[in-house]
Amino acid sequence: MLLSEIAALIGGKVVGDGNYPITGAAPLQNAEPSDITFLERPDRLAVLQRKSKAGAVIVPPGVQPEGFNAVQTEHVLEAFEKVVRCLHPRHCETIQGISDKAFIHLSAKIGSGVAVGPFAAVGEDCELGDNVTIHGGVQIAAGCRIGNNTHIFPNTVLYRDTVIGKNCIIHANSTIGAYGFGYDSSAGCHKLSPQLGNVVIGDEVEVGANTTIDRATYGSTIIGSGTKIDNIVMIAHNCKIGKHNLLCAHTGIAGSTTTGDYVVMAGRVGVKDHVHIGHRAVLGAMSGIIADVEEDARIVGIPATPEKEQMRIQIALQSLPAMRKEFKALQRDVGELKK
């Protein structure tokens, strides 16, 4: 595409050579002279000048990078995404119709525009809303409910009575509604606790690949609307996750934990059972949570402590070798005084 054609596509203004040919789109440091890149913030102009070979750059209004052709537009990231989709079309992730190799129980209720891939199975008394997409190999057990426009990728398993809201994305190989890890050991053996509950997922939720969400003993394990869950996350039985949480990869949340809204858990956070994480709390990577966390707290460490306190602890730990030398010197001096 000519740069002028890209400007027309994204509703932008050309600064430089509108006839410059563009064949690809790439991030700033990877771009070649035939590529267009983007610069969201003017304070990164120096990085662009120093590290990029791009032939053109999408920039905010009023920004004119020296030595580069540019297209000025209000919404840089949205514009770049549109250009990427145009220059690098991908294979469509949606499927059409119901495969003759899929199994759908006669009692299941199927909305309009539903697509089901080969070797998927939809069980007894299930309900699939309009425009639901079920990829190949997905197993949906009896009594599940799936809201409009939800997209479930291959080999995901929904145990019985799982409820998923509208506009959700469930990535491949996830397991939702498996039995919780709860046992009665009073008789000298481990007897599985009742597994009579289910999992309820709100609207606009994304669940990453290989993530597991266990069913409640009684009632429901709940994932609030708008929450985004990364790959390889474990959420145990009876948990109630609030709205618009962000749970990063390798996070593990033990049973009966609750969170408020807009909570962030960074990678490899571990949360013990029966604690509450307050609204808007941020738990740093690899934090070990052993007690309730207040609203708006920022904590990190094992066991987790407030961010500033943890910084003081780390500074003190770094000082330990020098303090040990001083202590040994003091011991020698005291020994001399005793003599």
Protein backbone atom coordinates (compact mmCIF):
# COMPACT_ATOMS: atom_id res chain seq x y z
CA MET A 1 0.00 0.00 0.00
CA LEU A 2 1.08 3.56 -0.56
CA LEU A 3 1.40 5.66 2.58
CA SER A 4 -1.46 7.87 1.33
CA GLU A 5 -3.68 4.76 1.09
CA ILE A 6 -2.81 3.83 4.67
CA ALA A 7 -3.68 7.38 5.77
CA ALA A 8 -7.07 7.05 4.05
CA LEU A 9 -7.63 3.67 5.74
CA ILE A 10 -7.09 5.03 9.26
CA GLY A 11 -8.40 8.57 8.69
CA GLY A 12 -4.97 10.15 9.21
CA LYS A 13 -2.84 12.92 7.74
CA VAL A 14 0.35 12.19 5.78
CA VAL A 15 3.52 14.01 6.78
CA GLY A 16 6.20 13.30 4.16
CA ASP A 17 6.01 11.18 1.01
CA GLY A 18 2.47 9.92 0.44
CA ASN A 19 3.70 7.70 -2.42
CA TYR A 20 6.09 5.76 -0.19
CA PRO A 21 5.32 2.01 -0.61
CA ILE A 22 4.58 -0.03 2.52
CA THR A 23 4.49 -3.84 2.46
CA GLY A 24 4.40 -4.69 6.17
CA ALA A 25 3.76 -3.51 9.72
CA ALA A 26 6.03 -4.20 12.69
CA PRO A 27 6.91 -2.93 16.18
CA LEU A 28 9.39 -0.08 16.36
CA GLN A 29 12.60 -2.07 16.90
CA ASN A 30 11.74 -4.82 14.39
CA ALA A 31 10.56 -2.64 11.51
CA GLU A 32 12.42 -2.58 8.18
CA PRO A 33 12.41 0.22 5.57
CA SER A 34 9.41 -1.38 3.85
CA ASP A 35 7.41 -1.44 7.12
CA ILE A 36 5.24 1.01 8.97
CA THR A 37 5.50 1.16 12.77
CA PHE A 38 3.82 3.23 15.50
CA LEU A 39 4.80 5.71 18.19
CA GLU A 40 2.13 6.18 20.82
CA ARG A 41 4.01 8.68 23.02
CA PRO A 42 6.08 11.67 21.86
CA ASP A 43 8.61 11.02 24.66
CA ARG A 44 9.79 7.93 22.71
CA LEU A 45 10.90 9.95 19.69
CA ALA A 46 14.53 9.48 20.68
CA VAL A 47 14.06 5.68 20.76
CA LEU A 48 12.51 5.83 17.29
CA GLN A 49 15.41 7.89 15.94
CA ARG A 50 18.01 5.63 17.53
CA LYS A 51 16.61 2.13 17.03
CA SER A 52 14.10 2.00 14.19
CA LYS A 53 14.66 1.43 10.47
CA ALA A 54 10.97 1.85 9.66
CA GLY A 55 9.94 3.52 6.42
CA ALA A 56 6.99 5.24 8.07
CA VAL A 57 5.43 5.69 11.49
CA ILE A 58 1.93 6.30 12.84
CA VAL A 59 2.05 9.13 15.39
CA PRO A 60 -0.33 11.33 17.44
CA PRO A 61 -1.45 14.67 15.95
CA GLY A 62 1.27 17.33 15.91
CA VAL A 63 4.16 14.85 16.18
CA GLN A 64 6.60 15.04 13.23
CA PRO A 65 9.52 12.60 13.65
CA GLU A 66 12.57 13.93 11.85
CA GLY A 67 13.78 11.69 9.02
CA PHE A 68 10.62 9.57 8.91
CA ASN A 69 7.49 9.61 6.82
CA ALA A 70 4.52 9.72 9.15
CA VAL A 71 0.75 9.48 9.41
CA GLN A 72 -0.80 11.56 12.18
CA THR A 73 -3.99 10.21 13.78
CA GLU A 74 -5.87 10.49 17.07
CA HIS A 75 -5.93 6.82 18.09
CA VAL A 76 -2.50 5.41 17.28
CA LEU A 77 -2.91 1.85 18.59
CA GLU A 78 -6.31 1.34 16.98
CA ALA A 79 -4.95 2.68 13.70
CA PHE A 80 -1.91 0.38 13.80
CA GLU A 81 -4.11 -2.62 14.54
CA LYS A 82 -6.24 -1.78 11.49
CA VAL A 83 -3.13 -1.53 9.31
CA VAL A 84 -1.78 -4.86 10.62
CA ARG A 85 -5.08 -6.58 9.84
CA CYS A 86 -5.02 -5.15 6.32
CA LEU A 87 -1.38 -5.92 5.51
CA HIS A 88 -1.16 -9.25 7.34
CA PRO A 89 -4.56 -10.96 7.05
CA ARG A 90 -4.83 -13.96 9.35
CA HIS A 91 -6.74 -17.19 9.01
CA CYS A 92 -10.19 -16.68 10.50
CA GLU A 93 -10.58 -18.12 14.02
CA THR A 94 -14.32 -18.52 13.61
CA ILE A 95 -16.00 -21.56 12.08
CA GLN A 96 -19.27 -21.83 10.22
CA GLY A 97 -22.21 -24.13 10.86
CA ILE A 98 -22.44 -27.36 12.80
CA SER A 99 -20.06 -30.11 11.75
CA ASP A 100 -21.56 -33.49 10.88
CA LYS A 101 -18.83 -34.94 13.10
CA ALA A 102 -20.12 -33.08 16.18
CA PHE A 103 -22.54 -34.57 18.72
CA ILE A 104 -25.45 -32.46 19.98
CA HIS A 105 -28.00 -34.04 22.31
CA LEU A 106 -31.58 -33.85 21.08
CA SER A 107 -32.64 -31.99 24.24
CA ALA A 108 -30.05 -29.20 23.79
CA LYS A 109 -31.33 -25.74 22.84
CA ILE A 110 -29.22 -24.14 20.12
CA GLY A 111 -29.49 -20.43 19.23
CA SER A 112 -29.17 -18.87 15.81
CA GLY A 113 -25.77 -18.57 14.14
CA VAL A 114 -24.18 -21.21 16.38
CA ALA A 115 -21.07 -22.98 15.04
CA VAL A 116 -19.83 -26.32 16.39
CA GLY A 117 -16.59 -27.91 15.18
CA PRO A 118 -15.80 -31.57 14.56
CA PHE A 119 -15.69 -33.99 17.51
CA ALA A 120 -17.22 -31.46 19.87
CA ALA A 121 -20.02 -32.72 22.12
CA VAL A 122 -22.96 -30.79 23.60
CA GLY A 123 -24.75 -32.70 26.34
CA GLU A 124 -28.27 -33.13 27.61
CA ASP A 125 -30.34 -30.00 28.42
CA CYS A 126 -27.56 -27.60 27.43
CA GLU A 127 -28.37 -24.12 26.12
CA LEU A 128 -26.18 -22.29 23.60
CA GLY A 129 -27.07 -18.65 22.89
CA ASP A 130 -26.92 -16.89 19.56
CA ASN A 131 -23.62 -16.79 17.64
CA VAL A 132 -21.82 -19.09 20.06
CA THR A 133 -18.73 -20.75 18.57
CA ILE A 134 -17.62 -24.16 19.84
CA HIS A 135 -14.37 -25.38 18.31
CA GLY A 136 -13.42 -28.98 17.65
CA GLY A 137 -12.96 -31.34 20.57
CA VAL A 138 -14.79 -29.18 23.12
CA GLN A 139 -16.81 -31.26 25.62
CA ILE A 140 -19.85 -29.61 27.18
CA ALA A 141 -21.54 -31.73 29.84
CA ALA A 142 -25.22 -31.82 30.73
CA GLY A 143 -27.01 -28.69 31.92
CA CYS A 144 -24.45 -26.11 30.81
CA ARG A 145 -25.56 -22.61 29.76
CA ILE A 146 -23.51 -20.48 27.35
CA GLY A 147 -24.40 -16.85 26.55
CA ASN A 148 -24.56 -15.07 23.20
CA ASN A 149 -21.35 -14.49 21.20
CA THR A 150 -19.17 -16.59 23.47
CA HIS A 151 -16.20 -18.31 21.81
CA ILE A 152 -14.76 -21.58 23.16
CA PHE A 153 -11.49 -22.84 21.68
CA PRO A 154 -10.50 -26.49 21.07
CA ASN A 155 -10.45 -29.24 23.68
CA THR A 156 -11.92 -27.17 26.50
CA VAL A 157 -14.06 -29.17 28.96
CA LEU A 158 -17.11 -27.78 30.75
CA TYR A 159 -18.35 -30.04 33.54
CA ARG A 160 -22.07 -30.29 34.25
CA ASP A 161 -24.17 -27.19 35.02
CA THR A 162 -21.42 -24.70 34.16
CA VAL A 163 -22.81 -21.25 33.30
CA ILE A 164 -20.88 -18.89 31.00
CA GLY A 165 -22.09 -15.37 30.18
CA LYS A 166 -22.17 -13.34 26.99
CA ASN A 167 -19.17 -12.28 24.90
CA CYS A 168 -16.72 -14.54 26.73
CA ILE A 169 -13.57 -16.16 25.34
CA ILE A 170 -12.44 -19.51 26.73
CA HIS A 171 -9.06 -20.57 25.36
CA ALA A 172 -7.92 -24.07 24.49
CA ASN A 173 -7.59 -26.95 26.96
CA SER A 174 -9.21 -25.12 29.86
CA THR A 175 -11.24 -27.14 32.36
CA ILE A 176 -14.17 -25.46 34.06
CA GLY A 177 -16.22 -27.12 36.77
CA ALA A 178 -13.88 -29.96 37.76
CA TYR A 179 -14.21 -31.33 41.29
CA GLY A 180 -12.72 -29.19 44.04
CA PHE A 181 -9.72 -30.45 46.01
CA GLY A 182 -11.62 -31.05 49.25
CA TYR A 183 -11.55 -34.21 51.38
CA ASP A 184 -12.84 -35.49 54.72
CA SER A 185 -9.92 -37.27 56.41
CA SER A 186 -11.58 -37.92 59.80
CA ALA A 187 -11.92 -41.68 59.24
CA GLY A 188 -8.25 -42.21 58.48
CA CYS A 189 -8.69 -41.98 54.71
CA HIS A 190 -9.36 -39.12 52.30
CA LYS A 191 -13.03 -39.12 51.34
CA LEU A 192 -14.03 -36.71 48.56
CA SER A 193 -16.22 -33.85 49.76
CA PRO A 194 -19.62 -33.28 48.11
CA GLN A 195 -19.35 -31.74 44.64
CA LEU A 196 -22.89 -30.41 44.31
CA GLY A 197 -22.17 -26.86 43.19
CA ASN A 198 -21.13 -25.40 39.84
CA VAL A 199 -19.15 -22.59 38.19
CA VAL A 200 -20.78 -19.33 37.08
CA ILE A 201 -18.81 -17.00 34.80
CA GLY A 202 -20.10 -13.49 34.08
CA ASP A 203 -20.14 -11.52 30.82
CA GLU A 204 -17.03 -10.31 28.92
CA VAL A 205 -14.73 -12.74 30.74
CA GLU A 206 -11.61 -14.20 29.10
CA VAL A 207 -10.10 -17.44 30.39
CA GLY A 208 -6.58 -18.32 29.24
CA ALA A 209 -5.35 -21.64 27.87
CA ASN A 210 -4.90 -24.53 30.31
CA THR A 211 -6.63 -22.66 33.11
CA THR A 212 -8.72 -24.59 35.64
CA ILE A 213 -11.70 -23.35 37.65
CA ASP A 214 -13.16 -25.81 40.15
CA ARG A 215 -16.83 -26.17 40.98
CA ALA A 216 -18.17 -25.24 44.42
CA THR A 217 -18.91 -27.82 47.08
CA TYR A 218 -22.36 -26.24 47.35
CA GLY A 219 -23.55 -23.10 45.57
CA SER A 220 -21.26 -21.60 42.92
CA THR A 221 -17.67 -20.70 42.24
CA ILE A 222 -18.10 -17.25 40.67
CA ILE A 223 -16.00 -15.26 38.18
CA GLY A 224 -17.22 -11.66 37.94
CA SER A 225 -18.02 -9.92 34.66
CA GLY A 226 -15.11 -8.27 32.85
CA THR A 227 -12.44 -10.35 34.58
CA LYS A 228 -9.49 -11.46 32.46
CA ILE A 229 -7.62 -14.64 33.39
CA ASP A 230 -4.24 -15.52 31.89
CA ASN A 231 -2.94 -18.94 30.85
CA ILE A 232 -2.25 -21.66 33.45
CA VAL A 233 -4.20 -20.13 36.34
CA MET A 234 -5.82 -22.26 39.06
CA ILE A 235 -8.97 -21.09 40.85
CA ALA A 236 -10.18 -23.49 43.52
CA HIS A 237 -13.66 -24.43 44.76
CA ASN A 238 -16.03 -21.88 46.34
CA CYS A 239 -13.96 -18.85 45.25
CA LYS A 240 -15.77 -15.65 44.35
CA ILE A 241 -13.71 -13.47 42.03
CA GLY A 242 -14.97 -9.89 41.62
CA LYS A 243 -15.54 -7.86 38.47
CA HIS A 244 -12.74 -6.69 36.16
CA ASN A 245 -9.97 -8.57 37.94
CA LEU A 246 -6.69 -9.28 36.12
CA LEU A 247 -5.17 -12.64 37.07
CA CYS A 248 -1.77 -13.27 35.47
CA ALA A 249 -0.15 -16.58 34.54
CA HIS A 250 0.66 -19.25 37.14
CA THR A 251 -1.50 -17.59 39.80
CA GLY A 252 -3.03 -20.08 42.22
CA ILE A 253 -6.03 -19.20 44.39
CA ALA A 254 -7.02 -21.62 47.14
CA GLY A 255 -10.59 -22.47 48.12
CA SER A 256 -13.20 -20.03 49.42
CA THR A 257 -11.10 -16.96 48.64
CA THR A 258 -12.96 -13.81 47.61
CA THR A 259 -11.81 -10.71 45.77
CA GLY A 260 -13.25 -7.25 45.21
CA ASP A 261 -13.41 -5.48 41.86
CA TYR A 262 -10.39 -4.40 39.76
CA VAL A 263 -7.95 -6.57 41.70
CA VAL A 264 -4.63 -7.31 39.94
CA MET A 265 -2.62 -10.45 40.68
CA ALA A 266 0.73 -10.53 38.88
CA GLY A 267 2.48 -13.71 37.76
CA ARG A 268 2.81 -16.64 40.18
CA VAL A 269 0.83 -15.09 43.01
CA GLY A 270 -0.25 -17.68 45.56
CA VAL A 271 -3.31 -17.04 47.73
CA LYS A 272 -4.23 -19.18 50.74
CA ASP A 273 -7.78 -20.31 51.39
CA HIS A 274 -10.52 -18.24 53.08
CA VAL A 275 -8.93 -14.80 52.62
CA HIS A 276 -10.42 -11.66 51.08
CA ILE A 277 -8.61 -9.34 48.67
CA GLY A 278 -10.10 -5.82 48.72
CA HIS A 279 -11.14 -3.68 45.77
CA ARG A 280 -8.32 -2.43 43.50
CA ALA A 281 -5.57 -4.22 45.43
CA VAL A 282 -2.41 -5.00 43.45
CA LEU A 283 -0.48 -8.15 44.36
CA GLY A 284 3.07 -8.15 42.99
CA ALA A 285 4.64 -11.09 41.17
CA MET A 286 5.27 -14.19 43.30
CA SER A 287 3.49 -12.71 46.31
CA GLY A 288 2.44 -15.19 48.99
CA ILE A 289 -0.91 -14.06 50.43
CA ILE A 290 -1.62 -15.51 53.88
CA ALA A 291 -4.06 -12.91 55.26
CA ASP A 292 -6.76 -10.50 54.10
CA VAL A 293 -5.62 -7.60 51.91
CA GLU A 294 -7.15 -4.15 52.30
CA GLU A 295 -8.65 -2.10 49.48
CA ASP A 296 -6.16 -0.21 47.27
CA ALA A 297 -3.20 -2.00 48.89
CA ARG A 298 -0.03 -2.70 46.91
CA ILE A 299 1.77 -5.68 48.38
CA VAL A 300 4.60 -8.01 47.41
CA GLY A 301 6.86 -10.70 48.86
CA ILE A 302 6.59 -13.99 50.77
CA PRO A 303 4.77 -13.57 53.06
CA ALA A 304 3.35 -10.53 51.30
CA THR A 305 3.76 -7.14 52.95
CA PRO A 306 3.02 -3.58 51.80
CA GLU A 307 5.24 -2.58 48.87
CA LYS A 308 7.18 0.12 50.75
CA GLU A 309 7.75 -2.14 53.74
CA GLN A 310 8.98 -4.90 51.45
CA MET A 311 11.45 -2.46 49.88
CA ARG A 312 12.85 -1.66 53.33
CA ILE A 313 13.15 -5.39 54.06
CA GLN A 314 15.03 -5.99 50.81
CA ILE A 315 17.40 -3.08 51.50
CA ALA A 316 18.03 -4.49 54.99
CA LEU A 317 18.70 -7.95 53.56
CA GLN A 318 21.27 -6.52 51.16
CA SER A 319 23.01 -4.93 54.13
CA LEU A 320 23.29 -8.19 56.10
CA PRO A 321 26.79 -9.22 54.87
CA ALA A 322 28.26 -5.88 55.96
CA MET A 323 26.35 -5.98 59.26
CA ARG A 324 27.66 -9.53 59.88
CA LYS A 325 31.25 -8.32 59.44
CA GLU A 326 30.61 -5.43 61.85
CA PHE A 327 29.05 -7.82 64.38
CA LYS A 328 32.05 -10.18 64.25
CA ALA A 329 34.40 -7.22 64.72
CA LEU A 330 32.36 -6.11 67.75
CA GLN A 331 32.54 -9.66 69.16
CA ARG A 332 36.34 -9.59 68.88
CA ASP A 333 36.48 -6.17 70.57
CA VAL A 334 34.27 -7.31 73.43
CA GLY A 335 36.44 -10.42 73.82
CA GLU A 336 39.54 -8.21 74.10
CA LEU A 337 37.86 -6.01 76.68
CA LYS A 338 36.93 -9.05 78.77
CA LYS A 339 40.57 -10.16 78.77
